[in-house]
Amino acid sequence: MQAVMTDIYLDANATTPTLPNAVDAACCTMQEQYGNPSSSHCAGLRARAMMETTREHARRVLGGAPSGRILFTSGATEAIAAACWGAAERGGHQVLAAVEHSAVRLAAEAH
C-alpha cells in the first residue's frame, strides 16, 4: 500500500486557507446580493445595507465600541496603508523597524 501525501502549508504570511463555512457564506452572499454599495439604485442600497449589517456584526464579534469604525480591505497591503495613514493623521511621528515589510515602509513614506 502506498502512502498518501498531504500538503502542509506553512506560508501563512502570504495567505491562509479559507474555512469551508466562510467560503459557503461568501458564495451564498455573492449569488444572492450584488451591487455597488456606493450607488443609489436598489441593488446598491441593498448591498450597502448588507455591508453595514456585516460591519455591525464584526464590531460586536470583535468587541468594538458602538461608535468604532470597521473598515473592510481587500488584502494586507491595503490594510497596512490604511493603518499607516490613519496613524499619520492623528499626528506625531511613525517609527519603523529596519526589517519592516516594504508595504509598511512605502505607506509610511507616502503620507
PDB file of N, CA and C in Angstrom:
ATOM      1  N   MET A   1       0.844  -1.177   0.000  1.00  0.00           N
ATOM      2  CA  MET A   1       0.000   0.000   0.000  1.00  0.00           C
ATOM      3  C   MET A   1       0.887   1.236   0.000  1.00  0.00           C
ATOM      4  N   GLN A   2       0.544   2.199  -0.833  1.00  0.00           N
ATOM      5  CA  GLN A   2       1.341   3.415  -0.975  1.00  0.00           C
ATOM      6  C   GLN A   2       0.802   4.509  -0.060  1.00  0.00           C
ATOM      7  N   ALA A   3       1.725   5.231   0.594  1.00  0.00           N
ATOM      8  CA  ALA A   3       1.326   6.316   1.493  1.00  0.00           C
ATOM      9  C   ALA A   3       0.782   7.485   0.689  1.00  0.00           C
ATOM     10  N   VAL A   4      -0.224   8.138   1.213  1.00  0.00           N
ATOM     11  CA  VAL A   4      -0.814   9.310   0.571  1.00  0.00           C
ATOM     12  C   VAL A   4      -0.176  10.555   1.174  1.00  0.00           C
ATOM     13  N   MET A   5       0.363  11.410   0.306  1.00  0.00           N
ATOM     14  CA  MET A   5       0.983  12.653   0.759  1.00  0.00           C
ATOM     15  C   MET A   5      -0.089  13.725   0.878  1.00  0.00           C
ATOM     16  N   THR A   6      -0.055  14.471   1.944  1.00  0.00           N
ATOM     17  CA  THR A   6      -0.945  15.622   2.085  1.00  0.00           C
ATOM     18  C   THR A   6      -0.092  16.871   2.184  1.00  0.00           C
ATOM     19  N   ASP A   7      -0.610  17.950   1.653  1.00  0.00           N
ATOM     20  CA  ASP A   7       0.117  19.216   1.707  1.00  0.00           C
ATOM     21  C   ASP A   7       0.134  19.764   3.123  1.00  0.00           C
ATOM     22  N   ILE A   8       1.254  20.305   3.502  1.00  0.00           N
ATOM     23  CA  ILE A   8       1.366  21.058   4.747  1.00  0.00           C
ATOM     24  C   ILE A   8       1.774  22.456   4.333  1.00  0.00           C
ATOM     25  N   TYR A   9       0.865  23.400   4.493  1.00  0.00           N
ATOM     26  CA  TYR A   9       1.072  24.772   4.033  1.00  0.00           C
ATOM     27  C   TYR A   9       1.592  25.610   5.189  1.00  0.00           C
ATOM     28  N   LEU A  10       2.781  26.163   5.042  1.00  0.00           N
ATOM     29  CA  LEU A  10       3.410  26.919   6.120  1.00  0.00           C
ATOM     30  C   LEU A  10       3.629  28.395   5.790  1.00  0.00           C
ATOM     31  N   ASP A  11       3.037  28.888   4.718  1.00  0.00           N
ATOM     32  CA  ASP A  11       3.268  30.268   4.310  1.00  0.00           C
ATOM     33  C   ASP A  11       2.081  31.153   4.693  1.00  0.00           C
ATOM     34  N   ALA A  12       1.697  31.123   5.972  1.00  0.00           N
ATOM     35  CA  ALA A  12       0.540  31.888   6.409  1.00  0.00           C
ATOM     36  C   ALA A  12       0.786  33.395   6.357  1.00  0.00           C
ATOM     37  N   ASN A  13       2.025  33.835   6.152  1.00  0.00           N
ATOM     38  CA  ASN A  13       2.272  35.265   5.974  1.00  0.00           C
ATOM     39  C   ASN A  13       1.684  35.752   4.662  1.00  0.00           C
ATOM     40  N   ALA A  14       1.636  34.906   3.666  1.00  0.00           N
ATOM     41  CA  ALA A  14       1.133  35.305   2.354  1.00  0.00           C
ATOM     42  C   ALA A  14      -0.378  35.116   2.259  1.00  0.00           C
ATOM     43  N   THR A  15      -0.861  34.004   2.705  1.00  0.00           N
ATOM     44  CA  THR A  15      -2.300  33.713   2.671  1.00  0.00           C
ATOM     45  C   THR A  15      -2.563  32.512   3.562  1.00  0.00           C
ATOM     46  N   THR A  16      -3.784  32.352   3.949  1.00  0.00           N
ATOM     47  CA  THR A  16      -4.163  31.191   4.743  1.00  0.00           C
ATOM     48  C   THR A  16      -5.352  30.520   4.083  1.00  0.00           C
ATOM     49  N   PRO A  17      -5.487  29.221   4.280  1.00  0.00           N
ATOM     50  CA  PRO A  17      -6.646  28.549   3.708  1.00  0.00           C
ATOM     51  C   PRO A  17      -7.932  29.115   4.322  1.00  0.00           C
ATOM     52  N   THR A  18      -8.946  29.265   3.502  1.00  0.00           N
ATOM     53  CA  THR A  18     -10.223  29.793   3.962  1.00  0.00           C
ATOM     54  C   THR A  18     -11.061  28.656   4.524  1.00  0.00           C
ATOM     55  N   LEU A  19     -11.687  28.904   5.662  1.00  0.00           N
ATOM     56  CA  LEU A  19     -12.549  27.897   6.262  1.00  0.00           C
ATOM     57  C   LEU A  19     -13.716  27.601   5.338  1.00  0.00           C
ATOM     58  N   PRO A  20     -14.083  26.323   5.194  1.00  0.00           N
ATOM     59  CA  PRO A  20     -15.179  25.966   4.277  1.00  0.00           C
ATOM     60  C   PRO A  20     -16.481  26.711   4.565  1.00  0.00           C
ATOM     61  N   ASN A  21     -16.827  26.917   5.842  1.00  0.00           N
ATOM     62  CA  ASN A  21     -18.081  27.622   6.120  1.00  0.00           C
ATOM     63  C   ASN A  21     -18.004  29.089   5.716  1.00  0.00           C
ATOM     64  N   ALA A  22     -16.807  29.685   5.740  1.00  0.00           N
ATOM     65  CA  ALA A  22     -16.639  31.066   5.271  1.00  0.00           C
ATOM     66  C   ALA A  22     -16.802  31.137   3.758  1.00  0.00           C
ATOM     67  N   VAL A  23     -16.261  30.159   3.049  1.00  0.00           N
ATOM     68  CA  VAL A  23     -16.421  30.103   1.587  1.00  0.00           C
ATOM     69  C   VAL A  23     -17.893  29.951   1.236  1.00  0.00           C
ATOM     70  N   ASP A  24     -18.588  29.047   1.940  1.00  0.00           N
ATOM     71  CA  ASP A  24     -20.017  28.841   1.680  1.00  0.00           C
ATOM     72  C   ASP A  24     -20.812  30.120   1.906  1.00  0.00           C
ATOM     73  N   ALA A  25     -20.532  30.824   3.008  1.00  0.00           N
ATOM     74  CA  ALA A  25     -21.253  32.062   3.321  1.00  0.00           C
ATOM     75  C   ALA A  25     -20.980  33.129   2.268  1.00  0.00           C
ATOM     76  N   ALA A  26     -19.721  33.260   1.872  1.00  0.00           N
ATOM     77  CA  ALA A  26     -19.373  34.274   0.874  1.00  0.00           C
ATOM     78  C   ALA A  26     -20.027  33.959  -0.470  1.00  0.00           C
ATOM     79  N   CYS A  27     -19.968  32.713  -0.890  1.00  0.00           N
ATOM     80  CA  CYS A  27     -20.570  32.337  -2.178  1.00  0.00           C
ATOM     81  C   CYS A  27     -22.076  32.548  -2.160  1.00  0.00           C
ATOM     82  N   CYS A  28     -22.726  32.187  -1.068  1.00  0.00           N
ATOM     83  CA  CYS A  28     -24.169  32.380  -0.946  1.00  0.00           C
ATOM     84  C   CYS A  28     -24.502  33.863  -1.044  1.00  0.00           C
ATOM     85  N   THR A  29     -23.743  34.685  -0.339  1.00  0.00           N
ATOM     86  CA  THR A  29     -23.981  36.128  -0.349  1.00  0.00           C
ATOM     87  C   THR A  29     -23.766  36.702  -1.741  1.00  0.00           C
ATOM     88  N   MET A  30     -22.701  36.284  -2.417  1.00  0.00           N
ATOM     89  CA  MET A  30     -22.415  36.820  -3.753  1.00  0.00           C
ATOM     90  C   MET A  30     -23.460  36.398  -4.767  1.00  0.00           C
ATOM     91  N   GLN A  31     -24.065  35.228  -4.580  1.00  0.00           N
ATOM     92  CA  GLN A  31     -25.107  34.786  -5.505  1.00  0.00           C
ATOM     93  C   GLN A  31     -26.409  35.529  -5.252  1.00  0.00           C
ATOM     94  N   GLU A  32     -26.693  35.838  -3.983  1.00  0.00           N
ATOM     95  CA  GLU A  32     -27.959  36.480  -3.640  1.00  0.00           C
ATOM     96  C   GLU A  32     -27.895  38.003  -3.736  1.00  0.00           C
ATOM     97  N   GLN A  33     -26.729  38.565  -3.483  1.00  0.00           N
ATOM     98  CA  GLN A  33     -26.614  40.014  -3.386  1.00  0.00           C
ATOM     99  C   GLN A  33     -25.481  40.522  -4.269  1.00  0.00           C
ATOM    100  N   TYR A  34     -25.743  41.554  -5.001  1.00  0.00           N
ATOM    101  CA  TYR A  34     -24.723  42.190  -5.816  1.00  0.00           C
ATOM    102  C   TYR A  34     -25.057  43.663  -5.869  1.00  0.00           C
ATOM    103  N   GLY A  35     -24.150  44.449  -6.286  1.00  0.00           N
ATOM    104  CA  GLY A  35     -24.396  45.877  -6.425  1.00  0.00           C
ATOM    105  C   GLY A  35     -23.287  46.673  -5.774  1.00  0.00           C
ATOM    106  N   ASN A  36     -23.109  47.868  -6.261  1.00  0.00           N
ATOM    107  CA  ASN A  36     -22.107  48.779  -5.729  1.00  0.00           C
ATOM    108  C   ASN A  36     -22.717  49.495  -4.522  1.00  0.00           C
ATOM    109  N   PRO A  37     -22.181  49.279  -3.310  1.00  0.00           N
ATOM    110  CA  PRO A  37     -22.785  49.888  -2.124  1.00  0.00           C
ATOM    111  C   PRO A  37     -22.697  51.412  -2.099  1.00  0.00           C
ATOM    112  N   SER A  38     -21.974  51.996  -3.038  1.00  0.00           N
ATOM    113  CA  SER A  38     -21.912  53.455  -3.137  1.00  0.00           C
ATOM    114  C   SER A  38     -22.977  54.012  -4.068  1.00  0.00           C
ATOM    115  N   SER A  39     -23.712  53.135  -4.741  1.00  0.00           N
ATOM    116  CA  SER A  39     -24.737  53.574  -5.696  1.00  0.00           C
ATOM    117  C   SER A  39     -26.084  53.764  -5.014  1.00  0.00           C
ATOM    118  N   SER A  40     -26.912  54.609  -5.605  1.00  0.00           N
ATOM    119  CA  SER A  40     -28.221  54.901  -5.009  1.00  0.00           C
ATOM    120  C   SER A  40     -29.357  54.081  -5.619  1.00  0.00           C
ATOM    121  N   HIS A  41     -29.051  53.191  -6.572  1.00  0.00           N
ATOM    122  CA  HIS A  41     -30.108  52.345  -7.119  1.00  0.00           C
ATOM    123  C   HIS A  41     -30.408  51.198  -6.145  1.00  0.00           C
ATOM    124  N   CYS A  42     -31.489  50.469  -6.410  1.00  0.00           N
ATOM    125  CA  CYS A  42     -31.949  49.433  -5.473  1.00  0.00           C
ATOM    126  C   CYS A  42     -30.872  48.405  -5.133  1.00  0.00           C
ATOM    127  N   ALA A  43     -30.169  47.907  -6.147  1.00  0.00           N
ATOM    128  CA  ALA A  43     -29.134  46.900  -5.883  1.00  0.00           C
ATOM    129  C   ALA A  43     -28.026  47.486  -5.015  1.00  0.00           C
ATOM    130  N   GLY A  44     -27.662  48.736  -5.256  1.00  0.00           N
ATOM    131  CA  GLY A  44     -26.636  49.390  -4.456  1.00  0.00           C
ATOM    132  C   GLY A  44     -27.079  49.607  -3.018  1.00  0.00           C
ATOM    133  N   LEU A  45     -28.322  50.016  -2.837  1.00  0.00           N
ATOM    134  CA  LEU A  45     -28.846  50.233  -1.488  1.00  0.00           C
ATOM    135  C   LEU A  45     -28.911  48.929  -0.699  1.00  0.00           C
ATOM    136  N   ARG A  46     -29.284  47.837  -1.368  1.00  0.00           N
ATOM    137  CA  ARG A  46     -29.301  46.531  -0.694  1.00  0.00           C
ATOM    138  C   ARG A  46     -27.884  46.107  -0.320  1.00  0.00           C
ATOM    139  N   ALA A  47     -26.944  46.323  -1.234  1.00  0.00           N
ATOM    140  CA  ALA A  47     -25.543  45.970  -0.953  1.00  0.00           C
ATOM    141  C   ALA A  47     -25.011  46.792   0.212  1.00  0.00           C
ATOM    142  N   ARG A  48     -25.355  48.081   0.245  1.00  0.00           N
ATOM    143  CA  ARG A  48     -24.919  48.959   1.342  1.00  0.00           C
ATOM    144  C   ARG A  48     -25.497  48.487   2.674  1.00  0.00           C
ATOM    145  N   ALA A  49     -26.771  48.128   2.674  1.00  0.00           N
ATOM    146  CA  ALA A  49     -27.405  47.647   3.909  1.00  0.00           C
ATOM    147  C   ALA A  49     -26.732  46.364   4.399  1.00  0.00           C
ATOM    148  N   MET A  50     -26.421  45.458   3.471  1.00  0.00           N
ATOM    149  CA  MET A  50     -25.762  44.214   3.856  1.00  0.00           C
ATOM    150  C   MET A  50     -24.361  44.495   4.404  1.00  0.00           C
ATOM    151  N   MET A  51     -23.648  45.418   3.778  1.00  0.00           N
ATOM    152  CA  MET A  51     -22.302  45.757   4.232  1.00  0.00           C
ATOM    153  C   MET A  51     -22.354  46.363   5.638  1.00  0.00           C
ATOM    154  N   GLU A  52     -23.323  47.239   5.898  1.00  0.00           N
ATOM    155  CA  GLU A  52     -23.444  47.860   7.219  1.00  0.00           C
ATOM    156  C   GLU A  52     -23.835  46.832   8.274  1.00  0.00           C
ATOM    157  N   THR A  53     -24.706  45.888   7.909  1.00  0.00           N
ATOM    158  CA  THR A  53     -25.069  44.809   8.833  1.00  0.00           C
ATOM    159  C   THR A  53     -23.841  43.970   9.161  1.00  0.00           C
ATOM    160  N   THR A  54     -23.034  43.691   8.162  1.00  0.00           N
ATOM    161  CA  THR A  54     -21.807  42.921   8.359  1.00  0.00           C
ATOM    162  C   THR A  54     -20.822  43.685   9.238  1.00  0.00           C
ATOM    163  N   ARG A  55     -20.700  44.990   9.026  1.00  0.00           N
ATOM    164  CA  ARG A  55     -19.834  45.811   9.878  1.00  0.00           C
ATOM    165  C   ARG A  55     -20.275  45.740  11.334  1.00  0.00           C
ATOM    166  N   GLU A  56     -21.571  45.865  11.554  1.00  0.00           N
ATOM    167  CA  GLU A  56     -22.104  45.836  12.916  1.00  0.00           C
ATOM    168  C   GLU A  56     -21.841  44.477  13.561  1.00  0.00           C
ATOM    169  N   HIS A  57     -22.042  43.413  12.803  1.00  0.00           N
ATOM    170  CA  HIS A  57     -21.769  42.067  13.318  1.00  0.00           C
ATOM    171  C   HIS A  57     -20.290  41.927  13.669  1.00  0.00           C
ATOM    172  N   ALA A  58     -19.409  42.377  12.777  1.00  0.00           N
ATOM    173  CA  ALA A  58     -17.964  42.307  13.039  1.00  0.00           C
ATOM    174  C   ALA A  58     -17.604  43.124  14.276  1.00  0.00           C
ATOM    175  N   ARG A  59     -18.207  44.285  14.419  1.00  0.00           N
ATOM    176  CA  ARG A  59     -17.942  45.144  15.578  1.00  0.00           C
ATOM    177  C   ARG A  59     -18.307  44.414  16.881  1.00  0.00           C
ATOM    178  N   ARG A  60     -19.483  43.753  16.874  1.00  0.00           N
ATOM    179  CA  ARG A  60     -19.905  43.021  18.078  1.00  0.00           C
ATOM    180  C   ARG A  60     -18.985  41.833  18.351  1.00  0.00           C
ATOM    181  N   VAL A  61     -18.656  41.065  17.314  1.00  0.00           N
ATOM    182  CA  VAL A  61     -17.794  39.884  17.480  1.00  0.00           C
ATOM    183  C   VAL A  61     -16.414  40.282  17.992  1.00  0.00           C
ATOM    184  N   LEU A  62     -15.893  41.400  17.485  1.00  0.00           N
ATOM    185  CA  LEU A  62     -14.556  41.855  17.879  1.00  0.00           C
ATOM    186  C   LEU A  62     -14.552  42.669  19.167  1.00  0.00           C
ATOM    187  N   GLY A  63     -15.732  42.952  19.709  1.00  0.00           N
ATOM    188  CA  GLY A  63     -15.813  43.702  20.951  1.00  0.00           C
ATOM    189  C   GLY A  63     -15.520  45.179  20.785  1.00  0.00           C
ATOM    190  N   GLY A  64     -15.786  45.717  19.615  1.00  0.00           N
ATOM    191  CA  GLY A  64     -15.517  47.127  19.353  1.00  0.00           C
ATOM    192  C   GLY A  64     -16.574  48.034  19.958  1.00  0.00           C
ATOM    193  N   ALA A  65     -16.198  49.260  20.176  1.00  0.00           N
ATOM    194  CA  ALA A  65     -17.133  50.259  20.693  1.00  0.00           C
ATOM    195  C   ALA A  65     -18.219  50.519  19.659  1.00  0.00           C
ATOM    196  N   PRO A  66     -19.450  50.817  20.097  1.00  0.00           N
ATOM    197  CA  PRO A  66     -20.536  51.089  19.133  1.00  0.00           C
ATOM    198  C   PRO A  66     -20.197  52.195  18.146  1.00  0.00           C
ATOM    199  N   SER A  67     -19.392  53.151  18.566  1.00  0.00           N
ATOM    200  CA  SER A  67     -19.037  54.233  17.650  1.00  0.00           C
ATOM    201  C   SER A  67     -17.785  53.916  16.835  1.00  0.00           C
ATOM    202  N   GLY A  68     -17.182  52.755  17.076  1.00  0.00           N
ATOM    203  CA  GLY A  68     -15.954  52.381  16.370  1.00  0.00           C
ATOM    204  C   GLY A  68     -16.196  52.136  14.898  1.00  0.00           C
ATOM    205  N   ARG A  69     -15.186  52.374  14.109  1.00  0.00           N
ATOM    206  CA  ARG A  69     -15.297  52.222  12.661  1.00  0.00           C
ATOM    207  C   ARG A  69     -14.680  50.901  12.235  1.00  0.00           C
ATOM    208  N   ILE A  70     -15.382  50.159  11.430  1.00  0.00           N
ATOM    209  CA  ILE A  70     -14.881  48.905  10.861  1.00  0.00           C
ATOM    210  C   ILE A  70     -14.621  49.168   9.386  1.00  0.00           C
ATOM    211  N   LEU A  71     -13.398  48.943   8.957  1.00  0.00           N
ATOM    212  CA  LEU A  71     -13.012  49.170   7.573  1.00  0.00           C
ATOM    213  C   LEU A  71     -12.642  47.834   6.946  1.00  0.00           C
ATOM    214  N   PHE A  72     -13.342  47.472   5.894  1.00  0.00           N
ATOM    215  CA  PHE A  72     -13.027  46.245   5.171  1.00  0.00           C
ATOM    216  C   PHE A  72     -12.017  46.566   4.073  1.00  0.00           C
ATOM    217  N   THR A  73     -10.992  45.739   3.944  1.00  0.00           N
ATOM    218  CA  THR A  73      -9.994  45.912   2.894  1.00  0.00           C
ATOM    219  C   THR A  73      -9.906  44.631   2.079  1.00  0.00           C
ATOM    220  N   SER A  74      -9.277  44.733   0.921  1.00  0.00           N
ATOM    221  CA  SER A  74      -9.168  43.564   0.048  1.00  0.00           C
ATOM    222  C   SER A  74      -7.929  42.734   0.331  1.00  0.00           C
ATOM    223  N   GLY A  75      -7.032  43.237   1.150  1.00  0.00           N
ATOM    224  CA  GLY A  75      -5.825  42.475   1.443  1.00  0.00           C
ATOM    225  C   GLY A  75      -4.908  43.210   2.396  1.00  0.00           C
ATOM    226  N   ALA A  76      -3.794  42.579   2.682  1.00  0.00           N
ATOM    227  CA  ALA A  76      -2.869  43.102   3.691  1.00  0.00           C
ATOM    228  C   ALA A  76      -2.249  44.438   3.301  1.00  0.00           C
ATOM    229  N   THR A  77      -1.844  44.607   2.061  1.00  0.00           N
ATOM    230  CA  THR A  77      -1.194  45.852   1.661  1.00  0.00           C
ATOM    231  C   THR A  77      -2.143  47.031   1.827  1.00  0.00           C
ATOM    232  N   GLU A  78      -3.384  46.861   1.429  1.00  0.00           N
ATOM    233  CA  GLU A  78      -4.378  47.916   1.589  1.00  0.00           C
ATOM    234  C   GLU A  78      -4.631  48.193   3.077  1.00  0.00           C
ATOM    235  N   ALA A  79      -4.703  47.147   3.890  1.00  0.00           N
ATOM    236  CA  ALA A  79      -4.921  47.319   5.327  1.00  0.00           C
ATOM    237  C   ALA A  79      -3.733  48.030   5.983  1.00  0.00           C
ATOM    238  N   ILE A  80      -2.532  47.688   5.574  1.00  0.00           N
ATOM    239  CA  ILE A  80      -1.332  48.331   6.115  1.00  0.00           C
ATOM    240  C   ILE A  80      -1.340  49.817   5.775  1.00  0.00           C
ATOM    241  N   ALA A  81      -1.660  50.136   4.531  1.00  0.00           N
ATOM    242  CA  ALA A  81      -1.702  51.539   4.114  1.00  0.00           C
ATOM    243  C   ALA A  81      -2.737  52.307   4.936  1.00  0.00           C
ATOM    244  N   ALA A  82      -3.916  51.730   5.117  1.00  0.00           N
ATOM    245  CA  ALA A  82      -4.961  52.406   5.889  1.00  0.00           C
ATOM    246  C   ALA A  82      -4.509  52.635   7.325  1.00  0.00           C
ATOM    247  N   ALA A  83      -3.841  51.650   7.914  1.00  0.00           N
ATOM    248  CA  ALA A  83      -3.365  51.794   9.294  1.00  0.00           C
ATOM    249  C   ALA A  83      -2.274  52.857   9.394  1.00  0.00           C
ATOM    250  N   CYS A  84      -1.335  52.844   8.472  1.00  0.00           N
ATOM    251  CA  CYS A  84      -0.249  53.837   8.491  1.00  0.00           C
ATOM    252  C   CYS A  84      -0.792  55.239   8.277  1.00  0.00           C
ATOM    253  N   TRP A  85      -1.688  55.409   7.311  1.00  0.00           N
ATOM    254  CA  TRP A  85      -2.232  56.731   7.030  1.00  0.00           C
ATOM    255  C   TRP A  85      -3.103  57.206   8.189  1.00  0.00           C
ATOM    256  N   GLY A  86      -3.857  56.278   8.792  1.00  0.00           N
ATOM    257  CA  GLY A  86      -4.677  56.642   9.948  1.00  0.00           C
ATOM    258  C   GLY A  86      -3.819  57.103  11.111  1.00  0.00           C
ATOM    259  N   ALA A  87      -2.699  56.421  11.339  1.00  0.00           N
ATOM    260  CA  ALA A  87      -1.785  56.817  12.413  1.00  0.00           C
ATOM    261  C   ALA A  87      -1.170  58.176  12.104  1.00  0.00           C
ATOM    262  N   ALA A  88      -0.812  58.417  10.854  1.00  0.00           N
ATOM    263  CA  ALA A  88      -0.190  59.682  10.474  1.00  0.00           C
ATOM    264  C   ALA A  88      -1.163  60.849  10.646  1.00  0.00           C
ATOM    265  N   GLU A  89      -2.442  60.608  10.377  1.00  0.00           N
ATOM    266  CA  GLU A  89      -3.444  61.667  10.507  1.00  0.00           C
ATOM    267  C   GLU A  89      -3.666  62.081  11.962  1.00  0.00           C
ATOM    268  N   ARG A  90      -3.357  61.177  12.893  1.00  0.00           N
ATOM    269  CA  ARG A  90      -3.525  61.502  14.307  1.00  0.00           C
ATOM    270  C   ARG A  90      -2.363  62.323  14.841  1.00  0.00           C
ATOM    271  N   GLY A  91      -1.367  62.559  14.012  1.00  0.00           N
ATOM    272  CA  GLY A  91      -0.247  63.401  14.423  1.00  0.00           C
ATOM    273  C   GLY A  91       0.926  62.588  14.950  1.00  0.00           C
ATOM    274  N   GLY A  92       1.926  63.314  15.384  1.00  0.00           N
ATOM    275  CA  GLY A  92       3.113  62.642  15.885  1.00  0.00           C
ATOM    276  C   GLY A  92       3.982  62.133  14.755  1.00  0.00           C
ATOM    277  N   HIS A  93       4.719  61.106  15.041  1.00  0.00           N
ATOM    278  CA  HIS A  93       5.600  60.541  14.028  1.00  0.00           C
ATOM    279  C   HIS A  93       5.501  59.023  14.071  1.00  0.00           C
ATOM    280  N   GLN A  94       5.978  58.408  13.028  1.00  0.00           N
ATOM    281  CA  GLN A  94       5.958  56.957  12.928  1.00  0.00           C
ATOM    282  C   GLN A  94       7.386  56.434  13.042  1.00  0.00           C
ATOM    283  N   VAL A  95       7.543  55.376  13.799  1.00  0.00           N
ATOM    284  CA  VAL A  95       8.834  54.725  13.943  1.00  0.00           C
ATOM    285  C   VAL A  95       8.710  53.352  13.311  1.00  0.00           C
ATOM    286  N   LEU A  96       9.590  53.064  12.366  1.00  0.00           N
ATOM    287  CA  LEU A  96       9.552  51.781  11.670  1.00  0.00           C
ATOM    288  C   LEU A  96      10.829  51.002  11.940  1.00  0.00           C
ATOM    289  N   ALA A  97      10.690  49.717  12.078  1.00  0.00           N
ATOM    290  CA  ALA A  97      11.855  48.852  12.231  1.00  0.00           C
ATOM    291  C   ALA A  97      12.555  48.693  10.888  1.00  0.00           C
ATOM    292  N   ALA A  98      13.834  48.458  10.931  1.00  0.00           N
ATOM    293  CA  ALA A  98      14.611  48.296   9.697  1.00  0.00           C
ATOM    294  C   ALA A  98      14.142  47.088   8.888  1.00  0.00           C
ATOM    295  N   VAL A  99      13.499  46.149   9.537  1.00  0.00           N
ATOM    296  CA  VAL A  99      13.076  44.921   8.853  1.00  0.00           C
ATOM    297  C   VAL A  99      11.594  44.955   8.456  1.00  0.00           C
ATOM    298  N   GLU A 100      10.972  46.138   8.510  1.00  0.00           N
ATOM    299  CA  GLU A 100       9.558  46.243   8.140  1.00  0.00           C
ATOM    300  C   GLU A 100       9.332  45.786   6.709  1.00  0.00           C
ATOM    301  N   HIS A 101       8.162  45.246   6.481  1.00  0.00           N
ATOM    302  CA  HIS A 101       7.746  44.861   5.139  1.00  0.00           C
ATOM    303  C   HIS A 101       7.708  46.113   4.264  1.00  0.00           C
ATOM    304  N   SER A 102       7.999  45.958   2.994  1.00  0.00           N
ATOM    305  CA  SER A 102       8.037  47.110   2.088  1.00  0.00           C
ATOM    306  C   SER A 102       6.692  47.829   2.021  1.00  0.00           C
ATOM    307  N   ALA A 103       5.587  47.111   2.198  1.00  0.00           N
ATOM    308  CA  ALA A 103       4.269  47.759   2.181  1.00  0.00           C
ATOM    309  C   ALA A 103       4.144  48.765   3.319  1.00  0.00           C
ATOM    310  N   VAL A 104       4.725  48.456   4.460  1.00  0.00           N
ATOM    311  CA  VAL A 104       4.665  49.368   5.604  1.00  0.00           C
ATOM    312  C   VAL A 104       5.550  50.590   5.333  1.00  0.00           C
ATOM    313  N   ARG A 105       6.764  50.338   4.858  1.00  0.00           N
ATOM    314  CA  ARG A 105       7.681  51.466   4.569  1.00  0.00           C
ATOM    315  C   ARG A 105       7.107  52.392   3.521  1.00  0.00           C
ATOM    316  N   LEU A 106       6.576  51.833   2.451  1.00  0.00           N
ATOM    317  CA  LEU A 106       6.046  52.658   1.364  1.00  0.00           C
ATOM    318  C   LEU A 106       4.824  53.449   1.802  1.00  0.00           C
ATOM    319  N   ALA A 107       3.961  52.838   2.594  1.00  0.00           N
ATOM    320  CA  ALA A 107       2.773  53.547   3.088  1.00  0.00           C
ATOM    321  C   ALA A 107       3.179  54.695   4.015  1.00  0.00           C
ATOM    322  N   ALA A 108       4.137  54.431   4.867  1.00  0.00           N
ATOM    323  CA  ALA A 108       4.584  55.462   5.806  1.00  0.00           C
ATOM    324  C   ALA A 108       5.255  56.618   5.056  1.00  0.00           C
ATOM    325  N   GLU A 109       6.031  56.303   4.042  1.00  0.00           N
ATOM    326  CA  GLU A 109       6.711  57.334   3.264  1.00  0.00           C
ATOM    327  C   GLU A 109       5.736  58.154   2.418  1.00  0.00           C
ATOM    328  N   ALA A 110       4.646  57.558   1.998  1.00  0.00           N
ATOM    329  CA  ALA A 110       3.694  58.222   1.115  1.00  0.00           C
ATOM    330  C   ALA A 110       2.848  59.258   1.854  1.00  0.00           C
ATOM    331  N   HIS A 111       2.794  59.163   3.154  1.00  0.00           N
ATOM    332  CA  HIS A 111       1.923  60.093   3.886  1.00  0.00           C
ATOM    333  C   HIS A 111       2.725  61.147   4.611  1.00  0.00           C
TER     334      HIS A 111
END
